[in-house]
Amino acid sequence: MISNATTAFHKYTLEWTDVSIKIYVDDVVFYTFANNPTTPFNQNFFLILNVAMGGNMGGTIDPAFTSSAMEIDYI
């Protein structure tokens, strides 16, 4: 869990190799997924940036919330 995911900037990194997919947050490994030829991650794809809200990663959503912005430095 990233305690300040909604209040601070973070560097999210995806390291994709033939054997694993590693997700980093601020240069620290957050999750590792085993990759092999049978997984669907070895095909052409598009990058979709999702701003969905809810779940337990960012904390409780204020019921008065109406809008926000997603700022991206680089991809």
PDB file of N, CA and C in Angstrom:
ATOM      1  N   MET A   1       0.833  -1.173   0.000  1.00  0.00           N
ATOM      2  CA  MET A   1       0.000   0.000   0.000  1.00  0.00           C
ATOM      3  C   MET A   1       0.884   1.244   0.000  1.00  0.00           C
ATOM      4  N   ILE A   2       0.460   2.244  -0.747  1.00  0.00           N
ATOM      5  CA  ILE A   2       1.188   3.497  -0.821  1.00  0.00           C
ATOM      6  C   ILE A   2       0.373   4.517  -0.034  1.00  0.00           C
ATOM      7  N   SER A   3       0.825   4.831   1.151  1.00  0.00           N
ATOM      8  CA  SER A   3       0.023   5.629   2.075  1.00  0.00           C
ATOM      9  C   SER A   3      -0.295   7.030   1.555  1.00  0.00           C
ATOM     10  N   ASN A   4       0.580   7.615   0.763  1.00  0.00           N
ATOM     11  CA  ASN A   4       0.331   8.977   0.283  1.00  0.00           C
ATOM     12  C   ASN A   4       0.181   9.011  -1.245  1.00  0.00           C
ATOM     13  N   ALA A   5      -0.438   7.980  -1.809  1.00  0.00           N
ATOM     14  CA  ALA A   5      -0.600   7.885  -3.264  1.00  0.00           C
ATOM     15  C   ALA A   5      -1.405   9.040  -3.840  1.00  0.00           C
ATOM     16  N   THR A   6      -2.286   9.618  -3.053  1.00  0.00           N
ATOM     17  CA  THR A   6      -3.142  10.696  -3.555  1.00  0.00           C
ATOM     18  C   THR A   6      -2.665  12.089  -3.169  1.00  0.00           C
ATOM     19  N   THR A   7      -1.622  12.174  -2.356  1.00  0.00           N
ATOM     20  CA  THR A   7      -1.194  13.493  -1.872  1.00  0.00           C
ATOM     21  C   THR A   7       0.236  13.852  -2.253  1.00  0.00           C
ATOM     22  N   ALA A   8       0.964  12.942  -2.873  1.00  0.00           N
ATOM     23  CA  ALA A   8       2.361  13.207  -3.226  1.00  0.00           C
ATOM     24  C   ALA A   8       2.665  12.630  -4.607  1.00  0.00           C
ATOM     25  N   PHE A   9       3.683  13.181  -5.271  1.00  0.00           N
ATOM     26  CA  PHE A   9       4.119  12.644  -6.547  1.00  0.00           C
ATOM     27  C   PHE A   9       4.965  11.404  -6.309  1.00  0.00           C
ATOM     28  N   HIS A  10       4.825  10.424  -7.204  1.00  0.00           N
ATOM     29  CA  HIS A  10       5.602   9.196  -7.111  1.00  0.00           C
ATOM     30  C   HIS A  10       6.114   8.821  -8.487  1.00  0.00           C
ATOM     31  N   LYS A  11       7.193   8.076  -8.503  1.00  0.00           N
ATOM     32  CA  LYS A  11       7.757   7.559  -9.739  1.00  0.00           C
ATOM     33  C   LYS A  11       7.344   6.092  -9.849  1.00  0.00           C
ATOM     34  N   TYR A  12       6.522   5.782 -10.858  1.00  0.00           N
ATOM     35  CA  TYR A  12       6.079   4.408 -11.098  1.00  0.00           C
ATOM     36  C   TYR A  12       6.874   3.861 -12.274  1.00  0.00           C
ATOM     37  N   THR A  13       7.483   2.690 -12.097  1.00  0.00           N
ATOM     38  CA  THR A  13       8.335   2.097 -13.115  1.00  0.00           C
ATOM     39  C   THR A  13       7.900   0.670 -13.385  1.00  0.00           C
ATOM     40  N   LEU A  14       7.913   0.284 -14.658  1.00  0.00           N
ATOM     41  CA  LEU A  14       7.617  -1.093 -15.049  1.00  0.00           C
ATOM     42  C   LEU A  14       8.847  -1.645 -15.751  1.00  0.00           C
ATOM     43  N   GLU A  15       9.430  -2.688 -15.216  1.00  0.00           N
ATOM     44  CA  GLU A  15      10.597  -3.341 -15.817  1.00  0.00           C
ATOM     45  C   GLU A  15      10.132  -4.678 -16.372  1.00  0.00           C
ATOM     46  N   TRP A  16      10.158  -4.804 -17.690  1.00  0.00           N
ATOM     47  CA  TRP A  16       9.570  -5.943 -18.389  1.00  0.00           C
ATOM     48  C   TRP A  16      10.681  -6.763 -19.049  1.00  0.00           C
ATOM     49  N   THR A  17      10.853  -8.011 -18.637  1.00  0.00           N
ATOM     50  CA  THR A  17      11.838  -8.900 -19.256  1.00  0.00           C
ATOM     51  C   THR A  17      11.153 -10.199 -19.663  1.00  0.00           C
ATOM     52  N   ASP A  18      11.905 -11.099 -20.288  1.00  0.00           N
ATOM     53  CA  ASP A  18      11.363 -12.399 -20.688  1.00  0.00           C
ATOM     54  C   ASP A  18      10.940 -13.242 -19.490  1.00  0.00           C
ATOM     55  N   VAL A  19      11.548 -13.030 -18.334  1.00  0.00           N
ATOM     56  CA  VAL A  19      11.272 -13.885 -17.176  1.00  0.00           C
ATOM     57  C   VAL A  19      10.415 -13.241 -16.094  1.00  0.00           C
ATOM     58  N   SER A  20      10.339 -11.901 -16.078  1.00  0.00           N
ATOM     59  CA  SER A  20       9.531 -11.266 -15.031  1.00  0.00           C
ATOM     60  C   SER A  20       9.063  -9.875 -15.442  1.00  0.00           C
ATOM     61  N   ILE A  21       8.015  -9.431 -14.777  1.00  0.00           N
ATOM     62  CA  ILE A  21       7.524  -8.065 -14.894  1.00  0.00           C
ATOM     63  C   ILE A  21       7.567  -7.500 -13.481  1.00  0.00           C
ATOM     64  N   LYS A  22       8.373  -6.466 -13.287  1.00  0.00           N
ATOM     65  CA  LYS A  22       8.527  -5.871 -11.958  1.00  0.00           C
ATOM     66  C   LYS A  22       7.945  -4.468 -11.961  1.00  0.00           C
ATOM     67  N   ILE A  23       7.167  -4.176 -10.930  1.00  0.00           N
ATOM     68  CA  ILE A  23       6.582  -2.856 -10.761  1.00  0.00           C
ATOM     69  C   ILE A  23       7.291  -2.186  -9.586  1.00  0.00           C
ATOM     70  N   TYR A  24       7.800  -0.983  -9.830  1.00  0.00           N
ATOM     71  CA  TYR A  24       8.509  -0.223  -8.809  1.00  0.00           C
ATOM     72  C   TYR A  24       7.713   1.031  -8.470  1.00  0.00           C
ATOM     73  N   VAL A  25       7.756   1.447  -7.227  1.00  0.00           N
ATOM     74  CA  VAL A  25       7.233   2.737  -6.795  1.00  0.00           C
ATOM     75  C   VAL A  25       8.384   3.453  -6.101  1.00  0.00           C
ATOM     76  N   ASP A  26       8.765   4.582  -6.655  1.00  0.00           N
ATOM     77  CA  ASP A  26       9.894   5.351  -6.125  1.00  0.00           C
ATOM     78  C   ASP A  26      11.152   4.504  -6.020  1.00  0.00           C
ATOM     79  N   ASP A  27      11.420   3.733  -7.068  1.00  0.00           N
ATOM     80  CA  ASP A  27      12.617   2.889  -7.210  1.00  0.00           C
ATOM     81  C   ASP A  27      12.674   1.715  -6.231  1.00  0.00           C
ATOM     82  N   VAL A  28      11.574   1.357  -5.608  1.00  0.00           N
ATOM     83  CA  VAL A  28      11.500   0.200  -4.707  1.00  0.00           C
ATOM     84  C   VAL A  28      10.522  -0.800  -5.319  1.00  0.00           C
ATOM     85  N   VAL A  29      10.934  -2.091  -5.402  1.00  0.00           N
ATOM     86  CA  VAL A  29      10.055  -3.107  -5.986  1.00  0.00           C
ATOM     87  C   VAL A  29       8.770  -3.202  -5.174  1.00  0.00           C
ATOM     88  N   PHE A  30       7.635  -3.011  -5.866  1.00  0.00           N
ATOM     89  CA  PHE A  30       6.315  -3.061  -5.238  1.00  0.00           C
ATOM     90  C   PHE A  30       5.649  -4.412  -5.506  1.00  0.00           C
ATOM     91  N   TYR A  31       5.858  -4.972  -6.730  1.00  0.00           N
ATOM     92  CA  TYR A  31       5.244  -6.244  -7.089  1.00  0.00           C
ATOM     93  C   TYR A  31       6.046  -6.875  -8.208  1.00  0.00           C
ATOM     94  N   THR A  32       6.164  -8.201  -8.196  1.00  0.00           N
ATOM     95  CA  THR A  32       6.848  -8.945  -9.249  1.00  0.00           C
ATOM     96  C   THR A  32       5.926 -10.032  -9.770  1.00  0.00           C
ATOM     97  N   PHE A  33       5.860 -10.146 -11.091  1.00  0.00           N
ATOM     98  CA  PHE A  33       5.014 -11.134 -11.756  1.00  0.00           C
ATOM     99  C   PHE A  33       5.893 -11.989 -12.651  1.00  0.00           C
ATOM    100  N   ALA A  34       5.772 -13.307 -12.559  1.00  0.00           N
ATOM    101  CA  ALA A  34       6.559 -14.203 -13.412  1.00  0.00           C
ATOM    102  C   ALA A  34       6.037 -14.122 -14.839  1.00  0.00           C
ATOM    103  N   ASN A  35       6.913 -13.881 -15.789  1.00  0.00           N
ATOM    104  CA  ASN A  35       6.551 -13.787 -17.206  1.00  0.00           C
ATOM    105  C   ASN A  35       7.100 -14.999 -17.935  1.00  0.00           C
ATOM    106  N   ASN A  36       6.325 -15.531 -18.854  1.00  0.00           N
ATOM    107  CA  ASN A  36       6.773 -16.649 -19.696  1.00  0.00           C
ATOM    108  C   ASN A  36       5.995 -16.586 -20.998  1.00  0.00           C
ATOM    109  N   PRO A  37       6.334 -17.413 -21.990  1.00  0.00           N
ATOM    110  CA  PRO A  37       5.669 -17.329 -23.301  1.00  0.00           C
ATOM    111  C   PRO A  37       4.154 -17.558 -23.270  1.00  0.00           C
ATOM    112  N   THR A  38       3.606 -18.134 -22.215  1.00  0.00           N
ATOM    113  CA  THR A  38       2.165 -18.401 -22.176  1.00  0.00           C
ATOM    114  C   THR A  38       1.350 -17.235 -21.622  1.00  0.00           C
ATOM    115  N   THR A  39       2.000 -16.236 -21.044  1.00  0.00           N
ATOM    116  CA  THR A  39       1.247 -15.094 -20.509  1.00  0.00           C
ATOM    117  C   THR A  39       0.890 -14.136 -21.649  1.00  0.00           C
ATOM    118  N   PRO A  40      -0.188 -13.381 -21.493  1.00  0.00           N
ATOM    119  CA  PRO A  40      -0.618 -12.492 -22.589  1.00  0.00           C
ATOM    120  C   PRO A  40       0.215 -11.222 -22.719  1.00  0.00           C
ATOM    121  N   PHE A  41       1.242 -11.073 -21.902  1.00  0.00           N
ATOM    122  CA  PHE A  41       2.009  -9.836 -21.881  1.00  0.00           C
ATOM    123  C   PHE A  41       3.095  -9.770 -22.944  1.00  0.00           C
ATOM    124  N   ASN A  42       3.156 -10.751 -23.803  1.00  0.00           N
ATOM    125  CA  ASN A  42       4.214 -10.801 -24.809  1.00  0.00           C
ATOM    126  C   ASN A  42       3.679 -10.541 -26.209  1.00  0.00           C
ATOM    127  N   GLN A  43       2.597  -9.779 -26.308  1.00  0.00           N
ATOM    128  CA  GLN A  43       1.974  -9.391 -27.570  1.00  0.00           C
ATOM    129  C   GLN A  43       2.031  -7.872 -27.693  1.00  0.00           C
ATOM    130  N   ASN A  44       1.772  -7.363 -28.880  1.00  0.00           N
ATOM    131  CA  ASN A  44       1.675  -5.910 -29.046  1.00  0.00           C
ATOM    132  C   ASN A  44       0.507  -5.393 -28.211  1.00  0.00           C
ATOM    133  N   PHE A  45       0.638  -4.199 -27.676  1.00  0.00           N
ATOM    134  CA  PHE A  45      -0.405  -3.659 -26.813  1.00  0.00           C
ATOM    135  C   PHE A  45      -0.371  -2.131 -26.836  1.00  0.00           C
ATOM    136  N   PHE A  46      -1.386  -1.543 -26.243  1.00  0.00           N
ATOM    137  CA  PHE A  46      -1.473  -0.098 -26.077  1.00  0.00           C
ATOM    138  C   PHE A  46      -1.387   0.215 -24.591  1.00  0.00           C
ATOM    139  N   LEU A  47      -0.896   1.370 -24.253  1.00  0.00           N
ATOM    140  CA  LEU A  47      -0.836   1.810 -22.869  1.00  0.00           C
ATOM    141  C   LEU A  47      -2.103   2.599 -22.558  1.00  0.00           C
ATOM    142  N   ILE A  48      -2.855   2.161 -21.567  1.00  0.00           N
ATOM    143  CA  ILE A  48      -4.072   2.846 -21.147  1.00  0.00           C
ATOM    144  C   ILE A  48      -3.825   3.409 -19.756  1.00  0.00           C
ATOM    145  N   LEU A  49      -4.011   4.687 -19.588  1.00  0.00           N
ATOM    146  CA  LEU A  49      -3.838   5.335 -18.297  1.00  0.00           C
ATOM    147  C   LEU A  49      -5.220   5.475 -17.661  1.00  0.00           C
ATOM    148  N   ASN A  50      -5.439   4.780 -16.579  1.00  0.00           N
ATOM    149  CA  ASN A  50      -6.747   4.705 -15.945  1.00  0.00           C
ATOM    150  C   ASN A  50      -6.773   5.572 -14.694  1.00  0.00           C
ATOM    151  N   VAL A  51      -7.805   6.354 -14.534  1.00  0.00           N
ATOM    152  CA  VAL A  51      -7.944   7.186 -13.353  1.00  0.00           C
ATOM    153  C   VAL A  51      -9.106   6.686 -12.480  1.00  0.00           C
ATOM    154  N   ALA A  52      -9.374   5.393 -12.550  1.00  0.00           N
ATOM    155  CA  ALA A  52     -10.440   4.804 -11.735  1.00  0.00           C
ATOM    156  C   ALA A  52     -10.137   5.021 -10.254  1.00  0.00           C
ATOM    157  N   MET A  53     -11.198   5.141  -9.476  1.00  0.00           N
ATOM    158  CA  MET A  53     -11.041   5.398  -8.044  1.00  0.00           C
ATOM    159  C   MET A  53     -11.798   4.343  -7.252  1.00  0.00           C
ATOM    160  N   GLY A  54     -11.309   4.079  -6.065  1.00  0.00           N
ATOM    161  CA  GLY A  54     -11.956   3.107  -5.197  1.00  0.00           C
ATOM    162  C   GLY A  54     -10.973   2.038  -4.773  1.00  0.00           C
ATOM    163  N   GLY A  55     -11.459   1.028  -4.118  1.00  0.00           N
ATOM    164  CA  GLY A  55     -10.584  -0.025  -3.636  1.00  0.00           C
ATOM    165  C   GLY A  55      -9.848   0.419  -2.387  1.00  0.00           C
ATOM    166  N   ASN A  56      -8.702  -0.207  -2.123  1.00  0.00           N
ATOM    167  CA  ASN A  56      -7.987   0.102  -0.884  1.00  0.00           C
ATOM    168  C   ASN A  56      -6.591   0.679  -1.108  1.00  0.00           C
ATOM    169  N   MET A  57      -6.233   1.004  -2.343  1.00  0.00           N
ATOM    170  CA  MET A  57      -4.870   1.474  -2.586  1.00  0.00           C
ATOM    171  C   MET A  57      -4.683   2.942  -2.209  1.00  0.00           C
ATOM    172  N   GLY A  58      -5.661   3.783  -2.500  1.00  0.00           N
ATOM    173  CA  GLY A  58      -5.481   5.204  -2.249  1.00  0.00           C
ATOM    174  C   GLY A  58      -6.224   5.723  -1.033  1.00  0.00           C
ATOM    175  N   GLY A  59      -6.979   4.870  -0.386  1.00  0.00           N
ATOM    176  CA  GLY A  59      -7.713   5.306   0.796  1.00  0.00           C
ATOM    177  C   GLY A  59      -9.152   5.670   0.476  1.00  0.00           C
ATOM    178  N   THR A  60      -9.836   6.161   1.444  1.00  0.00           N
ATOM    179  CA  THR A  60     -11.246   6.511   1.318  1.00  0.00           C
ATOM    180  C   THR A  60     -11.432   7.730   0.420  1.00  0.00           C
ATOM    181  N   ILE A  61     -12.476   7.704  -0.401  1.00  0.00           N
ATOM    182  CA  ILE A  61     -12.784   8.816  -1.290  1.00  0.00           C
ATOM    183  C   ILE A  61     -13.798   9.727  -0.610  1.00  0.00           C
ATOM    184  N   ASP A  62     -13.491  11.001  -0.582  1.00  0.00           N
ATOM    185  CA  ASP A  62     -14.386  11.991   0.023  1.00  0.00           C
ATOM    186  C   ASP A  62     -15.704  12.017  -0.762  1.00  0.00           C
ATOM    187  N   PRO A  63     -16.843  11.864  -0.107  1.00  0.00           N
ATOM    188  CA  PRO A  63     -18.127  11.883  -0.808  1.00  0.00           C
ATOM    189  C   PRO A  63     -18.392  13.199  -1.559  1.00  0.00           C
ATOM    190  N   ALA A  64     -17.729  14.283  -1.174  1.00  0.00           N
ATOM    191  CA  ALA A  64     -17.903  15.568  -1.847  1.00  0.00           C
ATOM    192  C   ALA A  64     -16.997  15.724  -3.069  1.00  0.00           C
ATOM    193  N   PHE A  65     -16.176  14.712  -3.368  1.00  0.00           N
ATOM    194  CA  PHE A  65     -15.246  14.776  -4.497  1.00  0.00           C
ATOM    195  C   PHE A  65     -16.005  14.928  -5.810  1.00  0.00           C
ATOM    196  N   THR A  66     -15.547  15.850  -6.682  1.00  0.00           N
ATOM    197  CA  THR A  66     -16.173  16.021  -7.989  1.00  0.00           C
ATOM    198  C   THR A  66     -15.185  15.929  -9.150  1.00  0.00           C
ATOM    199  N   SER A  67     -13.934  16.373  -8.957  1.00  0.00           N
ATOM    200  CA  SER A  67     -12.974  16.283 -10.041  1.00  0.00           C
ATOM    201  C   SER A  67     -11.553  16.418  -9.520  1.00  0.00           C
ATOM    202  N   SER A  68     -10.601  16.039 -10.397  1.00  0.00           N
ATOM    203  CA  SER A  68      -9.184  16.139 -10.060  1.00  0.00           C
ATOM    204  C   SER A  68      -8.403  16.116 -11.351  1.00  0.00           C
ATOM    205  N   ALA A  69      -7.090  16.014 -11.267  1.00  0.00           N
ATOM    206  CA  ALA A  69      -6.236  15.952 -12.439  1.00  0.00           C
ATOM    207  C   ALA A  69      -5.189  14.858 -12.250  1.00  0.00           C
ATOM    208  N   MET A  70      -4.767  14.253 -13.363  1.00  0.00           N
ATOM    209  CA  MET A  70      -3.666  13.294 -13.316  1.00  0.00           C
ATOM    210  C   MET A  70      -2.519  13.945 -14.087  1.00  0.00           C
ATOM    211  N   GLU A  71      -1.420  14.213 -13.396  1.00  0.00           N
ATOM    212  CA  GLU A  71      -0.269  14.845 -14.007  1.00  0.00           C
ATOM    213  C   GLU A  71       0.782  13.797 -14.322  1.00  0.00           C
ATOM    214  N   ILE A  72       1.231  13.763 -15.581  1.00  0.00           N
ATOM    215  CA  ILE A  72       2.210  12.772 -16.025  1.00  0.00           C
ATOM    216  C   ILE A  72       3.440  13.514 -16.516  1.00  0.00           C
ATOM    217  N   ASP A  73       4.580  13.182 -15.942  1.00  0.00           N
ATOM    218  CA  ASP A  73       5.824  13.834 -16.330  1.00  0.00           C
ATOM    219  C   ASP A  73       6.385  13.219 -17.599  1.00  0.00           C
ATOM    220  N   TYR A  74       6.443  11.880 -17.694  1.00  0.00           N
ATOM    221  CA  TYR A  74       6.948  11.223 -18.888  1.00  0.00           C
ATOM    222  C   TYR A  74       6.509   9.760 -18.901  1.00  0.00           C
ATOM    223  N   ILE A  75       6.509   9.183 -20.088  1.00  0.00           N
ATOM    224  CA  ILE A  75       6.221   7.751 -20.246  1.00  0.00           C
ATOM    225  C   ILE A  75       7.327   7.175 -21.102  1.00  0.00           C
TER     226      ILE A  75
END
